[in-house]
Protein backbone atom coordinates (compact mmCIF):
# COMPACT_ATOMS: atom_id res chain seq x y z
CA MET A 1 113.79 69.57 68.52
CA ASN A 2 114.22 66.07 67.08
CA ALA A 3 111.79 63.14 67.59
CA TYR A 4 113.85 61.58 70.20
CA LEU A 5 113.90 64.76 72.59
CA GLU A 6 110.38 65.75 71.89
CA ASN A 7 109.00 62.36 72.76
CA MET A 8 110.62 62.92 76.17
CA PHE A 9 110.55 66.36 76.90
CA SER A 10 107.66 67.94 75.04
CA LEU A 11 104.76 69.41 77.06
CA GLU A 12 102.28 69.86 73.87
CA GLY A 13 98.49 69.60 74.79
CA LYS A 14 99.63 69.64 78.49
CA THR A 15 97.44 71.92 81.02
CA VAL A 16 99.84 73.45 83.54
CA VAL A 17 99.06 75.55 86.67
CA VAL A 18 101.85 77.97 88.17
CA THR A 19 100.93 79.62 91.49
CA GLY A 20 102.71 82.93 92.16
CA GLY A 21 103.06 83.22 88.10
CA GLY A 22 102.89 87.21 88.32
CA GLN A 23 106.24 87.72 89.17
CA GLY A 24 109.88 86.60 89.79
CA ILE A 25 110.45 82.93 89.28
CA GLY A 26 107.10 82.05 88.91
CA GLN A 27 106.78 84.44 85.78
CA VAL A 28 109.69 82.65 84.41
CA ILE A 29 108.62 79.24 84.83
CA SER A 30 105.12 80.06 83.33
CA CYS A 31 106.93 81.67 80.44
CA GLY A 32 109.07 78.36 80.20
CA TYR A 33 106.33 75.94 80.48
CA ALA A 34 104.46 78.02 77.42
CA LYS A 35 107.47 77.48 75.35
CA ALA A 36 107.54 73.81 75.87
CA GLY A 37 103.97 73.67 74.45
CA ALA A 38 101.79 73.80 77.43
CA GLU A 39 98.72 75.80 78.05
CA VAL A 40 99.51 77.68 81.28
CA VAL A 41 97.22 78.81 83.85
CA VAL A 42 98.69 81.61 85.93
CA ILE A 43 97.37 82.06 89.51
CA GLY A 44 98.24 84.66 91.69
CA ARG A 45 96.61 87.13 94.41
CA THR A 46 97.00 90.02 92.06
CA LEU A 47 95.18 89.42 88.51
CA ALA A 48 96.84 92.37 87.19
CA LYS A 49 100.36 90.93 87.64
CA CYS A 50 99.33 87.62 86.44
CA GLN A 51 97.85 89.08 83.35
CA GLN A 52 101.13 90.52 82.29
CA THR A 53 102.47 86.90 82.21
CA VAL A 54 99.66 85.85 80.27
CA ASP A 55 100.39 88.67 77.82
CA MET A 56 104.12 87.91 77.78
CA ILE A 57 103.25 84.13 76.51
CA THR A 58 100.58 85.27 74.11
CA ALA A 59 102.79 87.59 72.62
CA GLU A 60 105.10 84.72 71.48
CA GLY A 61 102.21 82.73 70.23
CA GLY A 62 101.76 80.62 73.54
CA LYS A 63 98.46 79.87 75.24
CA ALA A 64 97.71 80.94 78.90
CA TYR A 65 95.10 82.61 80.95
CA ALA A 66 95.13 84.24 84.40
CA ILE A 67 93.04 83.42 87.61
CA GLU A 68 92.92 85.42 90.72
CA ALA A 69 93.03 83.41 93.69
CA ASP A 70 94.63 83.38 97.33
CA VAL A 71 96.12 79.88 97.88
CA VAL A 72 95.80 80.19 101.59
CA LYS A 73 92.01 80.51 101.21
CA GLU A 74 90.47 76.95 100.25
CA ASP A 75 87.38 78.42 99.03
CA GLU A 76 89.49 80.43 96.29
CA VAL A 77 91.49 77.53 95.74
CA LEU A 78 88.49 75.22 95.07
CA ALA A 79 86.89 77.93 92.99
CA ALA A 80 90.14 78.42 90.72
CA VAL A 81 90.33 74.69 90.06
CA ASP A 82 86.63 74.67 89.09
CA GLN A 83 87.30 77.39 86.59
CA ILE A 84 90.45 75.68 85.31
CA MET A 85 88.20 72.28 84.53
CA LYS A 86 85.62 74.49 82.98
CA THR A 87 87.69 76.28 80.90
CA SER A 88 90.53 73.60 79.95
CA GLY A 89 88.93 70.17 80.83
CA LYS A 90 92.16 68.80 82.58
CA ILE A 91 94.93 69.66 84.66
CA ASN A 92 98.26 67.67 84.03
CA ILE A 93 101.22 69.71 85.87
CA LEU A 94 100.93 71.63 89.12
CA PHE A 95 103.76 73.90 89.82
CA ASN A 96 103.48 75.28 93.44
CA CYS A 97 105.73 78.59 93.37
CA ALA A 98 103.70 81.02 95.51
CA GLY A 99 105.91 82.04 98.50
CA ILE A 100 107.16 84.75 100.82
CA CYS A 101 110.17 85.30 102.91
CA MET A 102 110.48 87.88 106.17
CA HIS A 103 114.09 88.52 107.24
CA GLN A 104 113.60 88.71 110.80
CA THR A 105 114.99 87.58 114.18
CA THR A 106 112.77 84.93 116.03
CA PHE A 107 112.16 87.52 118.59
CA GLU A 108 111.21 90.28 116.04
CA ALA A 109 108.71 88.24 114.36
CA THR A 110 105.21 88.41 115.30
CA ALA A 111 103.13 85.30 115.89
CA GLU A 112 100.90 86.63 112.87
CA GLU A 113 104.15 87.00 110.70
CA LEU A 114 105.36 83.54 111.62
CA ARG A 115 101.93 82.00 110.57
CA GLN A 116 101.69 84.21 107.63
CA VAL A 117 105.05 82.75 106.18
CA MET A 118 103.94 79.18 107.04
CA ASP A 119 100.43 79.57 105.52
CA VAL A 120 101.61 80.85 102.18
CA ASN A 121 104.60 78.57 101.62
CA TRP A 122 103.34 75.37 103.25
CA THR A 123 99.45 75.49 103.78
CA GLY A 124 98.84 77.04 100.34
CA SER A 125 100.88 74.54 98.68
CA LEU A 126 99.30 71.51 100.21
CA LEU A 127 95.73 73.04 99.65
CA MET A 128 96.55 73.40 95.88
CA ALA A 129 98.16 70.18 95.83
CA ARG A 130 95.13 68.57 97.21
CA ALA A 131 92.43 70.24 95.16
CA VAL A 132 94.47 69.70 91.97
CA ALA A 133 95.29 65.88 92.80
CA LYS A 134 91.46 65.13 92.81
CA GLU A 135 91.24 66.23 89.30
CA MET A 136 94.35 64.58 88.18
CA MET A 137 92.98 61.34 89.31
CA LYS A 138 90.46 61.56 86.61
CA ASN A 139 93.23 61.70 83.95
CA PRO A 140 94.04 58.61 81.75
CA LYS A 141 97.35 57.34 82.83
CA ASP A 142 100.46 57.42 80.18
CA ASP A 143 102.54 54.21 79.36
CA LYS A 144 104.37 54.89 82.52
CA GLY A 145 101.30 54.82 85.02
CA THR A 146 101.34 58.57 85.49
CA CYS A 147 98.21 60.46 85.41
CA GLY A 148 99.45 63.79 87.20
CA ASN A 149 102.65 65.82 88.27
CA ILE A 150 103.00 68.06 91.13
CA ILE A 151 106.28 70.03 91.61
CA ASN A 152 106.68 72.11 94.72
CA MET A 153 109.03 75.19 95.32
CA ALA A 154 111.13 74.22 98.17
CA SER A 155 114.46 75.96 98.66
CA LEU A 156 118.19 75.82 99.77
CA SER A 157 116.81 76.95 103.11
CA ALA A 158 115.18 73.55 103.51
CA THR A 159 118.64 72.13 103.77
CA ILE A 160 120.95 74.49 105.28
CA VAL A 161 120.44 77.60 107.50
CA ASN A 162 121.28 80.71 105.54
CA ILE A 163 123.66 83.46 106.78
CA PRO A 164 123.74 86.34 107.54
CA GLN A 165 120.09 86.85 107.59
CA TRP A 166 117.58 85.34 110.10
CA GLN A 167 114.63 83.73 108.77
CA VAL A 168 113.45 80.90 110.92
CA SER A 169 109.81 81.20 109.45
CA TYR A 170 110.78 80.85 106.15
CA ASN A 171 113.58 78.02 106.54
CA SER A 172 111.25 76.07 108.61
CA SER A 173 108.28 76.52 105.99
CA LYS A 174 110.64 75.19 103.18
CA ALA A 175 111.58 72.18 105.14
CA ALA A 176 108.11 71.50 105.58
CA VAL A 177 107.53 71.84 101.97
CA ARG A 178 110.22 69.45 101.45
CA HIS A 179 108.80 66.72 103.59
CA MET A 180 105.44 67.39 102.44
CA THR A 181 106.51 66.56 98.94
CA LYS A 182 108.14 63.09 100.07
CA SER A 183 104.89 62.47 102.11
CA LEU A 184 102.58 63.22 99.34
CA ALA A 185 104.69 61.26 96.54
CA LEU A 186 104.31 58.37 98.73
CA GLU A 187 100.66 58.48 99.71
CA TRP A 188 99.58 59.41 95.88
CA ALA A 189 102.00 56.91 94.15
CA GLU A 190 99.09 54.38 94.17
CA TYR A 191 96.89 56.89 92.03
CA GLY A 192 99.68 57.68 89.43
CA ILE A 193 100.51 61.23 90.76
CA ARG A 194 104.17 61.97 90.90
CA VAL A 195 105.24 64.89 93.38
CA ASN A 196 108.72 66.29 93.54
CA SER A 197 110.43 69.50 94.38
CA ILE A 198 113.09 71.81 93.54
CA SER A 199 115.62 73.55 95.95
CA PRO A 200 117.06 76.54 94.41
CA GLY A 201 119.90 78.65 96.11
CA TYR A 202 120.65 82.24 95.43
CA ILE A 203 118.36 83.26 92.62
CA ALA A 204 118.58 86.95 91.07
CA THR A 205 114.64 87.77 91.60
CA PRO A 206 112.99 90.73 93.59
CA MET A 207 112.53 88.65 96.54
CA SER A 208 116.58 88.00 96.98
CA MET A 209 117.66 91.32 95.99
CA ASP A 210 115.72 93.00 98.31
CA PRO A 211 118.23 92.74 101.40
CA SER A 212 121.02 95.40 101.36
CA MET A 213 123.90 95.18 98.97
CA ALA A 214 126.12 94.57 101.99
CA MET A 215 123.88 91.23 102.74
CA LEU A 216 124.58 90.40 98.95
CA ASP A 217 128.29 90.73 99.33
CA GLN A 218 128.37 88.43 102.16
CA TRP A 219 126.42 85.77 100.24
CA LEU A 220 128.35 85.80 97.21
CA PRO A 221 131.95 84.22 98.61
CA LEU A 222 129.79 81.40 100.24
CA ILE A 223 128.71 80.27 96.71
CA PRO A 224 131.43 78.08 95.08
CA GLN A 225 130.35 79.36 91.54
CA GLY A 226 130.57 82.95 92.82
CA ARG A 227 127.32 84.11 91.51
CA MET A 228 123.61 83.95 91.84
CA ALA A 229 121.62 81.99 89.39
CA ASP A 230 119.70 83.35 86.66
CA PRO A 231 115.82 82.33 87.01
CA ASN A 232 115.97 80.51 83.58
CA GLU A 233 118.56 78.24 84.97
CA LEU A 234 115.99 76.38 86.75
CA MET A 235 113.61 75.66 83.98
CA PRO A 236 115.84 72.46 82.57
CA ALA A 237 115.19 70.71 85.90
CA ILE A 238 111.67 71.68 85.94
CA LEU A 239 110.91 70.47 82.71
CA TYR A 240 112.51 67.28 83.50
CA LEU A 241 110.55 66.60 86.39
CA SER A 242 107.38 67.90 84.41
CA CYS A 243 107.81 65.43 81.59
CA SER A 244 107.40 61.55 80.51
CA ALA A 245 111.69 61.44 80.84
CA ALA A 246 111.18 61.38 84.78
CA GLY A 247 108.63 59.09 84.93
CA TYR A 248 110.29 56.88 87.57
CA THR A 249 111.22 60.06 89.46
CA THR A 250 108.86 60.80 92.70
CA GLY A 251 109.51 62.22 96.33
CA ASP A 252 112.56 63.91 95.12
CA ASP A 253 114.24 67.25 95.67
CA LEU A 254 116.50 68.70 93.20
CA LEU A 255 118.98 71.02 94.81
CA ILE A 256 120.26 73.70 92.23
CA ASP A 257 122.32 75.88 94.27
CA GLY A 258 125.58 76.64 92.52
CA GLY A 259 127.32 74.13 95.09
CA TYR A 260 126.48 76.16 98.28
CA SER A 261 125.13 73.03 100.11
CA LEU A 262 128.36 71.11 99.42
CA GLN A 263 130.36 72.95 102.21
């Protein structure tokens, strides 16, 4: 990397926290952050899965460690943040990636299932953001006035209603994440914390490949580029939002959907 690009995009010396980093997109993002020079803290409900991501990172010479925590439980969130501060001494970037989806009609879903999706996707992201933001405020501000950076995982489903699957809980939760991002960006701008989100379309991960192939066959014709994305294709946008090059970007949501939302 030449000096010009390194000055804008390097994350050397930064500590990044990734929730849901034990599998799927979260794992890819964790590894991508490490390759950009950051120390990565991988958080998830299953320590063994998070450790697998850590092992992938350290095998390539990166720095990472795992913490077991359920983002829906505030006591576990606060304990995780406390452990990070004791181990790393700072948090520069938070990527809220933990999420779940249930393909159900509104009549099929139980009240508990509806709450579960909203809790993991929205409440968990907010609890993590709030806990981490308090520590970010202690960081010195850079030359653009930024002391911390939060990126939330929204979704194409926050903008459109996916078909043919019915998933009112997921769509609603991701729309909430998108608006939460804008709300926090405005509220925390005076403290030097930037808050943005990304909204991926159909990405080839275990979550999206879980439905039947018949459903997959119905998705592909709706995507102008005619394919699902590789999770690695999200990383350039994430790195942009994470680094000093995006110092004037806050409250934004980047759609990465192969043109799906243009129709």
